[in-house]
Amino acid sequence: MPESNDIKGIIKRVSEIIIEELKLEDITVATFNPDLDLIDELGIDSMDLATIALVLQDEYKIVIDEDDYPKLKTVRLIAEYIQGKKTEKN
């Protein structure tokens, strides 16, 4: 279960998941910019994004609609999306 549901905790965990899933060797959670555009600046593709979305769905017990994928451009936007989904559930 995620350690924290506040936005900073979600950003940290999302960063960890992206670094792990994409095997980013030169980036740490401390150096990961949450406002970095994942597609344009990091170069992840739709398959990478789908993989990350699946991991996040398992991690946070939420459903991420495929139609929402284009909105999830940065770690901060992903964290805000997750926080919103968790708020809807409660």
C-alpha atoms as a PDB file:
ATOM      1  CA  MET A   1       0.000   0.000   0.000  1.00  0.00           C
ATOM      2  CA  PRO A   2       1.331   3.470  -0.736  1.00  0.00           C
ATOM      3  CA  GLU A   3       2.994   5.137   2.219  1.00  0.00           C
ATOM      4  CA  SER A   4       1.275   8.470   1.812  1.00  0.00           C
ATOM      5  CA  ASN A   5      -1.837   9.831   0.168  1.00  0.00           C
ATOM      6  CA  ASP A   6      -0.732  13.456   0.286  1.00  0.00           C
ATOM      7  CA  ILE A   7       0.419  14.931  -2.999  1.00  0.00           C
ATOM      8  CA  LYS A   8       4.132  14.851  -2.083  1.00  0.00           C
ATOM      9  CA  GLY A   9       3.927  11.189  -1.129  1.00  0.00           C
ATOM     10  CA  ILE A  10       2.091  10.321  -4.338  1.00  0.00           C
ATOM     11  CA  ILE A  11       4.615  12.285  -6.435  1.00  0.00           C
ATOM     12  CA  LYS A  12       7.469  10.402  -4.734  1.00  0.00           C
ATOM     13  CA  ARG A  13       5.866   7.005  -5.321  1.00  0.00           C
ATOM     14  CA  VAL A  14       4.893   7.772  -8.939  1.00  0.00           C
ATOM     15  CA  SER A  15       8.484   8.897  -9.562  1.00  0.00           C
ATOM     16  CA  GLU A  16       9.790   5.640  -8.065  1.00  0.00           C
ATOM     17  CA  ILE A  17       7.459   3.588 -10.260  1.00  0.00           C
ATOM     18  CA  ILE A  18       8.415   5.461 -13.445  1.00  0.00           C
ATOM     19  CA  ILE A  19      12.138   5.169 -12.687  1.00  0.00           C
ATOM     20  CA  GLU A  20      11.751   1.459 -11.953  1.00  0.00           C
ATOM     21  CA  GLU A  21       9.460   0.587 -14.880  1.00  0.00           C
ATOM     22  CA  LEU A  22      11.459   2.543 -17.457  1.00  0.00           C
ATOM     23  CA  LYS A  23      14.813   1.516 -15.973  1.00  0.00           C
ATOM     24  CA  LEU A  24      16.025   5.105 -15.821  1.00  0.00           C
ATOM     25  CA  GLU A  25      19.583   4.737 -14.598  1.00  0.00           C
ATOM     26  CA  ASP A  26      20.644   8.387 -14.353  1.00  0.00           C
ATOM     27  CA  ILE A  27      17.586   9.642 -12.478  1.00  0.00           C
ATOM     28  CA  THR A  28      16.748   9.305  -8.784  1.00  0.00           C
ATOM     29  CA  VAL A  29      13.564  10.287  -6.972  1.00  0.00           C
ATOM     30  CA  ALA A  30      15.469  13.283  -5.547  1.00  0.00           C
ATOM     31  CA  THR A  31      16.516  14.498  -9.005  1.00  0.00           C
ATOM     32  CA  PHE A  32      13.272  13.654 -10.834  1.00  0.00           C
ATOM     33  CA  ASN A  33      11.462  16.865 -11.792  1.00  0.00           C
ATOM     34  CA  PRO A  34       7.721  16.270 -11.198  1.00  0.00           C
ATOM     35  CA  ASP A  35       6.920  18.839 -13.895  1.00  0.00           C
ATOM     36  CA  LEU A  36       9.060  17.181 -16.591  1.00  0.00           C
ATOM     37  CA  ASP A  37       6.968  16.334 -19.649  1.00  0.00           C
ATOM     38  CA  LEU A  38       7.185  12.549 -19.775  1.00  0.00           C
ATOM     39  CA  ILE A  39       6.397  12.286 -23.467  1.00  0.00           C
ATOM     40  CA  ASP A  40       8.166  15.296 -24.972  1.00  0.00           C
ATOM     41  CA  GLU A  41      11.145  15.564 -22.609  1.00  0.00           C
ATOM     42  CA  LEU A  42      11.632  12.011 -21.324  1.00  0.00           C
ATOM     43  CA  GLY A  43      10.527  10.335 -24.540  1.00  0.00           C
ATOM     44  CA  ILE A  44       8.175   7.705 -23.132  1.00  0.00           C
ATOM     45  CA  ASP A  45       5.730   6.202 -25.600  1.00  0.00           C
ATOM     46  CA  SER A  46       2.133   5.062 -25.277  1.00  0.00           C
ATOM     47  CA  MET A  47       3.178   1.500 -24.381  1.00  0.00           C
ATOM     48  CA  ASP A  48       5.362   2.788 -21.536  1.00  0.00           C
ATOM     49  CA  LEU A  49       2.514   4.988 -20.346  1.00  0.00           C
ATOM     50  CA  ALA A  50       0.091   2.053 -20.458  1.00  0.00           C
ATOM     51  CA  THR A  51       2.513  -0.071 -18.400  1.00  0.00           C
ATOM     52  CA  ILE A  52       2.925   2.692 -15.841  1.00  0.00           C
ATOM     53  CA  ALA A  53      -0.856   3.179 -15.693  1.00  0.00           C
ATOM     54  CA  LEU A  54      -1.361  -0.533 -14.960  1.00  0.00           C
ATOM     55  CA  VAL A  55       1.185  -0.455 -12.136  1.00  0.00           C
ATOM     56  CA  LEU A  56      -0.437   2.687 -10.691  1.00  0.00           C
ATOM     57  CA  GLN A  57      -3.898   1.105 -10.872  1.00  0.00           C
ATOM     58  CA  ASP A  58      -2.638  -1.883  -8.876  1.00  0.00           C
ATOM     59  CA  GLU A  59      -0.731   0.304  -6.442  1.00  0.00           C
ATOM     60  CA  TYR A  60      -3.527   2.763  -5.707  1.00  0.00           C
ATOM     61  CA  LYS A  61      -6.561   0.526  -6.358  1.00  0.00           C
ATOM     62  CA  ILE A  62      -8.023   2.964  -8.880  1.00  0.00           C
ATOM     63  CA  VAL A  63      -9.079   2.775 -12.519  1.00  0.00           C
ATOM     64  CA  ILE A  64      -7.258   4.982 -15.003  1.00  0.00           C
ATOM     65  CA  ASP A  65      -9.403   5.468 -18.085  1.00  0.00           C
ATOM     66  CA  GLU A  66      -7.442   5.100 -21.341  1.00  0.00           C
ATOM     67  CA  ASP A  67      -9.084   8.323 -22.541  1.00  0.00           C
ATOM     68  CA  ASP A  68      -7.282  10.094 -19.670  1.00  0.00           C
ATOM     69  CA  TYR A  69      -3.778   8.932 -20.692  1.00  0.00           C
ATOM     70  CA  PRO A  70      -3.087  12.057 -22.822  1.00  0.00           C
ATOM     71  CA  LYS A  71      -3.712  14.229 -19.734  1.00  0.00           C
ATOM     72  CA  LEU A  72      -1.056  12.379 -17.716  1.00  0.00           C
ATOM     73  CA  LYS A  73       1.944  14.250 -19.080  1.00  0.00           C
ATOM     74  CA  THR A  74       3.907  14.908 -15.874  1.00  0.00           C
ATOM     75  CA  VAL A  75       4.432  13.186 -12.542  1.00  0.00           C
ATOM     76  CA  ARG A  76       2.614  16.060 -10.839  1.00  0.00           C
ATOM     77  CA  LEU A  77      -0.427  15.691 -13.154  1.00  0.00           C
ATOM     78  CA  ILE A  78      -0.428  11.923 -12.561  1.00  0.00           C
ATOM     79  CA  ALA A  79      -0.266  12.464  -8.785  1.00  0.00           C
ATOM     80  CA  GLU A  80      -3.137  14.975  -8.901  1.00  0.00           C
ATOM     81  CA  TYR A  81      -5.149  12.543 -11.036  1.00  0.00           C
ATOM     82  CA  ILE A  82      -4.543   9.724  -8.529  1.00  0.00           C
ATOM     83  CA  GLN A  83      -5.449  11.961  -5.624  1.00  0.00           C
ATOM     84  CA  GLY A  84      -8.680  12.960  -7.379  1.00  0.00           C
ATOM     85  CA  LYS A  85      -9.571   9.322  -8.105  1.00  0.00           C
ATOM     86  CA  LYS A  86      -8.938   8.342  -4.490  1.00  0.00           C
ATOM     87  CA  THR A  87     -11.111  11.241  -3.299  1.00  0.00           C
ATOM     88  CA  GLU A  88     -13.935  10.101  -5.623  1.00  0.00           C
ATOM     89  CA  LYS A  89     -13.785   6.601  -4.106  1.00  0.00           C
ATOM     90  CA  ASN A  90     -14.103   7.822  -0.510  1.00  0.00           C
END
